[in-house]
Amino acid sequence: MPFPECINAMVIDIRNVSAFLDNEVPIIPWRLLEEECPVRLVVPQDRLDHYAGFFEPTWLTTDVETAIQEIREFMDMFVH
């Protein structure tokens, strides 16, 4: 199923995923990456270093509220 055109940002919470993911796991739709969609991965604090080796470090956070705030600030740049 294709993603709707209205998606402009994505927060992916993988804190409760027990397996360690790597860059081969397709958790981020490539179409959104090609359109420079802001992405935030919410990961457990103890796995932050592990995921920093696979994903863009600026995408990583350990808190959903922080992820949402960062995306709001990014989107505000286009509005103001």
C-alpha atoms as a PDB file:
ATOM      1  CA  MET A   1       0.000   0.000   0.000  1.00  0.00           C
ATOM      2  CA  PRO A   2       1.545   3.344  -0.979  1.00  0.00           C
ATOM      3  CA  PHE A   3       2.033   6.073   1.571  1.00  0.00           C
ATOM      4  CA  PRO A   4      -0.291   9.057   1.255  1.00  0.00           C
ATOM      5  CA  GLU A   5       1.145  12.262  -0.135  1.00  0.00           C
ATOM      6  CA  CYS A   6       0.313  14.145   3.072  1.00  0.00           C
ATOM      7  CA  ILE A   7       3.046  12.490   5.167  1.00  0.00           C
ATOM      8  CA  ASN A   8       5.721  15.100   5.794  1.00  0.00           C
ATOM      9  CA  ALA A   9       7.562  13.619   8.773  1.00  0.00           C
ATOM     10  CA  MET A  10       7.881  10.355  10.611  1.00  0.00           C
ATOM     11  CA  VAL A  11       8.570   9.276  14.208  1.00  0.00           C
ATOM     12  CA  ILE A  12       9.396   5.589  14.564  1.00  0.00           C
ATOM     13  CA  ASP A  13       9.408   4.215  18.109  1.00  0.00           C
ATOM     14  CA  ILE A  14      11.471   1.026  18.363  1.00  0.00           C
ATOM     15  CA  ARG A  15      12.041   1.102  22.111  1.00  0.00           C
ATOM     16  CA  ASN A  16       9.997  -2.059  22.676  1.00  0.00           C
ATOM     17  CA  VAL A  17      11.586  -4.075  19.869  1.00  0.00           C
ATOM     18  CA  SER A  18      13.613  -6.734  21.624  1.00  0.00           C
ATOM     19  CA  ALA A  19      15.873  -7.571  18.676  1.00  0.00           C
ATOM     20  CA  PHE A  20      18.739  -5.277  17.737  1.00  0.00           C
ATOM     21  CA  LEU A  21      17.991  -3.829  14.294  1.00  0.00           C
ATOM     22  CA  ASP A  22      20.581  -2.926  11.677  1.00  0.00           C
ATOM     23  CA  ASN A  23      20.603  -0.889   8.487  1.00  0.00           C
ATOM     24  CA  GLU A  24      19.247  -3.861   6.491  1.00  0.00           C
ATOM     25  CA  VAL A  25      15.862  -3.737   8.262  1.00  0.00           C
ATOM     26  CA  PRO A  26      13.393  -1.702   6.153  1.00  0.00           C
ATOM     27  CA  ILE A  27      11.743   0.363   8.889  1.00  0.00           C
ATOM     28  CA  ILE A  28      11.921   3.658   6.996  1.00  0.00           C
ATOM     29  CA  PRO A  29      10.133   3.947   3.622  1.00  0.00           C
ATOM     30  CA  TRP A  30      12.762   4.969   1.068  1.00  0.00           C
ATOM     31  CA  ARG A  31      10.307   7.267  -0.729  1.00  0.00           C
ATOM     32  CA  LEU A  32      10.218   9.472   2.352  1.00  0.00           C
ATOM     33  CA  LEU A  33      14.003   9.589   2.562  1.00  0.00           C
ATOM     34  CA  GLU A  34      14.290  10.647  -1.056  1.00  0.00           C
ATOM     35  CA  GLU A  35      11.939  13.560  -0.370  1.00  0.00           C
ATOM     36  CA  GLU A  36      14.032  14.650   2.615  1.00  0.00           C
ATOM     37  CA  CYS A  37      11.271  13.808   5.050  1.00  0.00           C
ATOM     38  CA  PRO A  38      12.409  14.455   8.634  1.00  0.00           C
ATOM     39  CA  VAL A  39      12.715  11.129  10.449  1.00  0.00           C
ATOM     40  CA  ARG A  40      13.249  10.471  14.146  1.00  0.00           C
ATOM     41  CA  LEU A  41      13.950   7.020  15.556  1.00  0.00           C
ATOM     42  CA  VAL A  42      13.067   6.644  19.226  1.00  0.00           C
ATOM     43  CA  VAL A  43      15.410   4.025  20.674  1.00  0.00           C
ATOM     44  CA  PRO A  44      16.183   2.741  24.174  1.00  0.00           C
ATOM     45  CA  GLN A  45      18.877   4.744  25.981  1.00  0.00           C
ATOM     46  CA  ASP A  46      21.097   1.682  26.411  1.00  0.00           C
ATOM     47  CA  ARG A  47      21.062   0.993  22.639  1.00  0.00           C
ATOM     48  CA  LEU A  48      21.721   4.542  21.459  1.00  0.00           C
ATOM     49  CA  ASP A  49      25.388   3.850  20.630  1.00  0.00           C
ATOM     50  CA  HIS A  50      24.463   0.687  18.728  1.00  0.00           C
ATOM     51  CA  TYR A  51      21.954   2.480  16.495  1.00  0.00           C
ATOM     52  CA  ALA A  52      24.254   5.477  15.968  1.00  0.00           C
ATOM     53  CA  GLY A  53      26.483   3.123  13.987  1.00  0.00           C
ATOM     54  CA  PHE A  54      23.690   2.222  11.550  1.00  0.00           C
ATOM     55  CA  PHE A  55      21.378   5.217  11.301  1.00  0.00           C
ATOM     56  CA  GLU A  56      21.932   8.923  10.871  1.00  0.00           C
ATOM     57  CA  PRO A  57      22.810  10.144  14.405  1.00  0.00           C
ATOM     58  CA  THR A  58      20.625  13.242  14.018  1.00  0.00           C
ATOM     59  CA  TRP A  59      17.619  10.929  13.604  1.00  0.00           C
ATOM     60  CA  LEU A  60      18.110   9.252  16.976  1.00  0.00           C
ATOM     61  CA  THR A  61      16.481  10.197  20.245  1.00  0.00           C
ATOM     62  CA  THR A  62      15.360   8.347  23.359  1.00  0.00           C
ATOM     63  CA  ASP A  63      12.172  10.307  23.977  1.00  0.00           C
ATOM     64  CA  VAL A  64       9.010  10.614  21.849  1.00  0.00           C
ATOM     65  CA  GLU A  65       8.274  14.144  23.073  1.00  0.00           C
ATOM     66  CA  THR A  66      11.748  15.295  22.054  1.00  0.00           C
ATOM     67  CA  ALA A  67      11.317  13.694  18.624  1.00  0.00           C
ATOM     68  CA  ILE A  68       8.010  15.465  18.049  1.00  0.00           C
ATOM     69  CA  GLN A  69       9.434  18.795  19.218  1.00  0.00           C
ATOM     70  CA  GLU A  70      12.427  18.505  16.869  1.00  0.00           C
ATOM     71  CA  ILE A  71      10.157  17.770  13.913  1.00  0.00           C
ATOM     72  CA  ARG A  72       7.866  20.671  14.806  1.00  0.00           C
ATOM     73  CA  GLU A  73      10.842  23.030  14.890  1.00  0.00           C
ATOM     74  CA  PHE A  74      12.031  21.698  11.531  1.00  0.00           C
ATOM     75  CA  MET A  75       8.580  22.133   9.967  1.00  0.00           C
ATOM     76  CA  ASP A  76       8.244  25.658  11.410  1.00  0.00           C
ATOM     77  CA  MET A  77      11.180  26.739   9.238  1.00  0.00           C
ATOM     78  CA  PHE A  78       8.967  26.240   6.167  1.00  0.00           C
ATOM     79  CA  VAL A  79       5.982  28.079   7.601  1.00  0.00           C
ATOM     80  CA  HIS A  80       7.683  31.197   8.973  1.00  0.00           C
END
